[in-house]
C-alpha atoms as a PDB file:
ATOM      1  CA  MET A   1      -7.545  18.972 -19.871  1.00  0.00           C
ATOM      2  CA  GLY A   2      -4.319  20.973 -19.452  1.00  0.00           C
ATOM      3  CA  TRP A   3      -0.758  19.782 -19.749  1.00  0.00           C
ATOM      4  CA  ASP A   4      -0.123  20.495 -16.049  1.00  0.00           C
ATOM      5  CA  LYS A   5      -2.285  17.633 -14.693  1.00  0.00           C
ATOM      6  CA  ARG A   6       0.656  15.238 -14.327  1.00  0.00           C
ATOM      7  CA  ASN A   7       1.375  14.035 -10.788  1.00  0.00           C
ATOM      8  CA  ALA A   8       5.111  13.514 -11.272  1.00  0.00           C
ATOM      9  CA  LYS A   9       7.429  16.525 -11.254  1.00  0.00           C
ATOM     10  CA  ARG A  10       8.243  17.630 -14.806  1.00  0.00           C
ATOM     11  CA  VAL A  11      11.518  18.977 -16.129  1.00  0.00           C
ATOM     12  CA  HIS A  12      11.111  21.575 -18.877  1.00  0.00           C
ATOM     13  CA  LEU A  13      14.007  21.492 -21.321  1.00  0.00           C
ATOM     14  CA  ASP A  14      15.524  24.912 -22.066  1.00  0.00           C
ATOM     15  CA  HIS A  15      17.309  23.683 -25.180  1.00  0.00           C
ATOM     16  CA  GLU A  16      15.712  21.792 -28.036  1.00  0.00           C
ATOM     17  CA  ARG A  17      16.162  18.044 -27.514  1.00  0.00           C
ATOM     18  CA  ARG A  18      15.507  16.122 -30.716  1.00  0.00           C
ATOM     19  CA  ALA A  19      14.166  12.581 -30.473  1.00  0.00           C
ATOM     20  CA  THR A  20      12.427  10.048 -32.712  1.00  0.00           C
ATOM     21  CA  LEU A  21       9.156   8.166 -32.419  1.00  0.00           C
ATOM     22  CA  LEU A  22       9.157   4.651 -33.852  1.00  0.00           C
ATOM     23  CA  GLY A  23       6.138   2.415 -34.380  1.00  0.00           C
ATOM     24  CA  ALA A  24       6.194  -0.684 -32.180  1.00  0.00           C
ATOM     25  CA  ASP A  25       6.112  -2.784 -35.356  1.00  0.00           C
ATOM     26  CA  GLY A  26       8.832  -0.671 -37.013  1.00  0.00           C
ATOM     27  CA  THR A  27       6.632   0.429 -39.923  1.00  0.00           C
ATOM     28  CA  TRP A  28       6.731   4.178 -39.232  1.00  0.00           C
ATOM     29  CA  ARG A  29       9.018   6.831 -37.813  1.00  0.00           C
ATOM     30  CA  ARG A  30       8.549  10.515 -36.873  1.00  0.00           C
ATOM     31  CA  ASP A  31      11.022  13.091 -35.642  1.00  0.00           C
ATOM     32  CA  CYS A  32       9.957  15.048 -32.582  1.00  0.00           C
ATOM     33  CA  ILE A  33      11.131  17.504 -29.955  1.00  0.00           C
ATOM     34  CA  LEU A  34      11.050  16.616 -26.268  1.00  0.00           C
ATOM     35  CA  VAL A  35       9.293  19.591 -24.647  1.00  0.00           C
ATOM     36  CA  ASP A  36       9.284  18.324 -21.068  1.00  0.00           C
ATOM     37  CA  VAL A  37       9.724  15.029 -19.285  1.00  0.00           C
ATOM     38  CA  SER A  38       8.927  13.398 -15.946  1.00  0.00           C
ATOM     39  CA  GLU A  39       9.509   9.992 -14.400  1.00  0.00           C
ATOM     40  CA  THR A  40       6.167   8.829 -15.794  1.00  0.00           C
ATOM     41  CA  GLY A  41       5.865  10.489 -19.192  1.00  0.00           C
ATOM     42  CA  ALA A  42       6.668  13.328 -21.556  1.00  0.00           C
ATOM     43  CA  ARG A  43       5.255  16.031 -23.779  1.00  0.00           C
ATOM     44  CA  LEU A  44       6.436  15.961 -27.389  1.00  0.00           C
ATOM     45  CA  ARG A  45       6.120  18.246 -30.392  1.00  0.00           C
ATOM     46  CA  ILE A  46       5.759  16.079 -33.508  1.00  0.00           C
ATOM     47  CA  ASP A  47       7.368  16.925 -36.871  1.00  0.00           C
ATOM     48  CA  GLY A  48       5.038  16.044 -39.723  1.00  0.00           C
ATOM     49  CA  SER A  49       1.636  14.412 -39.496  1.00  0.00           C
ATOM     50  CA  PRO A  50       0.731  12.966 -36.073  1.00  0.00           C
ATOM     51  CA  ASP A  51      -1.727  10.521 -37.725  1.00  0.00           C
ATOM     52  CA  VAL A  52       0.604   7.575 -37.092  1.00  0.00           C
ATOM     53  CA  LEU A  53       0.089   8.027 -33.341  1.00  0.00           C
ATOM     54  CA  ARG A  54      -3.319   6.388 -33.677  1.00  0.00           C
ATOM     55  CA  ALA A  55      -1.351   3.195 -33.038  1.00  0.00           C
ATOM     56  CA  ARG A  56      -1.417   4.358 -29.369  1.00  0.00           C
ATOM     57  CA  GLU A  57       1.796   2.462 -28.445  1.00  0.00           C
ATOM     58  CA  PHE A  58       5.235   3.249 -29.826  1.00  0.00           C
ATOM     59  CA  PHE A  59       8.858   3.818 -28.847  1.00  0.00           C
ATOM     60  CA  LEU A  60      10.522   7.135 -28.042  1.00  0.00           C
ATOM     61  CA  LEU A  61      14.150   6.906 -29.158  1.00  0.00           C
ATOM     62  CA  LEU A  62      16.306   9.291 -27.153  1.00  0.00           C
ATOM     63  CA  SER A  63      19.627   8.535 -28.863  1.00  0.00           C
ATOM     64  CA  SER A  64      20.658   8.345 -32.498  1.00  0.00           C
ATOM     65  CA  THR A  65      21.822   4.748 -31.993  1.00  0.00           C
ATOM     66  CA  GLY A  66      18.488   3.686 -30.473  1.00  0.00           C
ATOM     67  CA  LEU A  67      20.153   2.412 -27.289  1.00  0.00           C
ATOM     68  CA  ALA A  68      18.271   4.880 -25.068  1.00  0.00           C
ATOM     69  CA  PHE A  69      14.520   4.485 -25.514  1.00  0.00           C
ATOM     70  CA  ARG A  70      11.195   4.292 -23.683  1.00  0.00           C
ATOM     71  CA  ARG A  71       8.055   2.411 -24.652  1.00  0.00           C
ATOM     72  CA  CYS A  72       5.133   4.867 -24.684  1.00  0.00           C
ATOM     73  CA  GLU A  73       1.367   5.027 -24.697  1.00  0.00           C
ATOM     74  CA  LEU A  74      -0.403   8.042 -26.198  1.00  0.00           C
ATOM     75  CA  VAL A  75      -2.434   9.941 -23.601  1.00  0.00           C
ATOM     76  CA  ARG A  76      -3.465  13.057 -25.517  1.00  0.00           C
ATOM     77  CA  LEU A  77      -2.917  14.671 -28.872  1.00  0.00           C
ATOM     78  CA  GLU A  78      -3.535  18.385 -29.421  1.00  0.00           C
ATOM     79  CA  GLY A  79      -2.403  19.563 -32.852  1.00  0.00           C
ATOM     80  CA  SER A  80       1.289  18.739 -33.144  1.00  0.00           C
ATOM     81  CA  GLU A  81       1.790  18.187 -29.379  1.00  0.00           C
ATOM     82  CA  ALA A  82       1.420  14.772 -27.812  1.00  0.00           C
ATOM     83  CA  GLY A  83       1.372  13.659 -24.181  1.00  0.00           C
ATOM     84  CA  VAL A  84       2.690  10.158 -23.492  1.00  0.00           C
ATOM     85  CA  HIS A  85       2.948   7.798 -20.526  1.00  0.00           C
ATOM     86  CA  PHE A  86       6.004   5.597 -20.274  1.00  0.00           C
ATOM     87  CA  LEU A  87       5.250   1.868 -20.160  1.00  0.00           C
ATOM     88  CA  GLY A  88       7.137  -0.791 -18.238  1.00  0.00           C
ATOM     89  CA  PRO A  89       8.046  -4.309 -19.346  1.00  0.00           C
ATOM     90  CA  GLY A  90       5.157  -6.147 -20.975  1.00  0.00           C
ATOM     91  CA  GLY A  91       3.304  -2.896 -21.690  1.00  0.00           C
ATOM     92  CA  SER A  92       2.320  -2.215 -18.069  1.00  0.00           C
ATOM     93  CA  ARG A  93       2.597   1.150 -16.404  1.00  0.00           C
ATOM     94  CA  PRO A  94       5.407   1.233 -13.820  1.00  0.00           C
ATOM     95  CA  SER A  95       4.201   1.079 -10.213  1.00  0.00           C
ATOM     96  CA  SER A  96       5.142   4.731  -9.696  1.00  0.00           C
ATOM     97  CA  MET A  97       2.473   5.599 -12.291  1.00  0.00           C
ATOM     98  CA  THR A  98      -0.318   3.447 -10.920  1.00  0.00           C
ATOM     99  CA  GLY A  99       0.006   4.572  -7.319  1.00  0.00           C
ATOM    100  CA  GLU A 100       1.131   1.153  -6.066  1.00  0.00           C
ATOM    101  CA  LYS A 101       3.473   1.100  -3.074  1.00  0.00           C
ATOM    102  CA  LYS A 102       6.563  -1.102  -3.052  1.00  0.00           C
END
């Protein structure tokens, strides 16, 4: 499955945007680079071993203070690149991701 299967329009970042992955329980942390992003998810390049992503759910910290973040679910892992879906409150996918109409 290719990286271009996402339904939402993606924005490819021309400049390296550093971010951090944090385990939902706070027991692990990995630096990463945001490769591209959409309303529903992102593609990340992981620094170090991606083994911790087996947890399947984690946070993507977009600011050094941790005030800008998204809860994520792992969709695919290919080498050091990971595809994630953003999760809404309570771990659900936002309606824009499930095809529900408001």
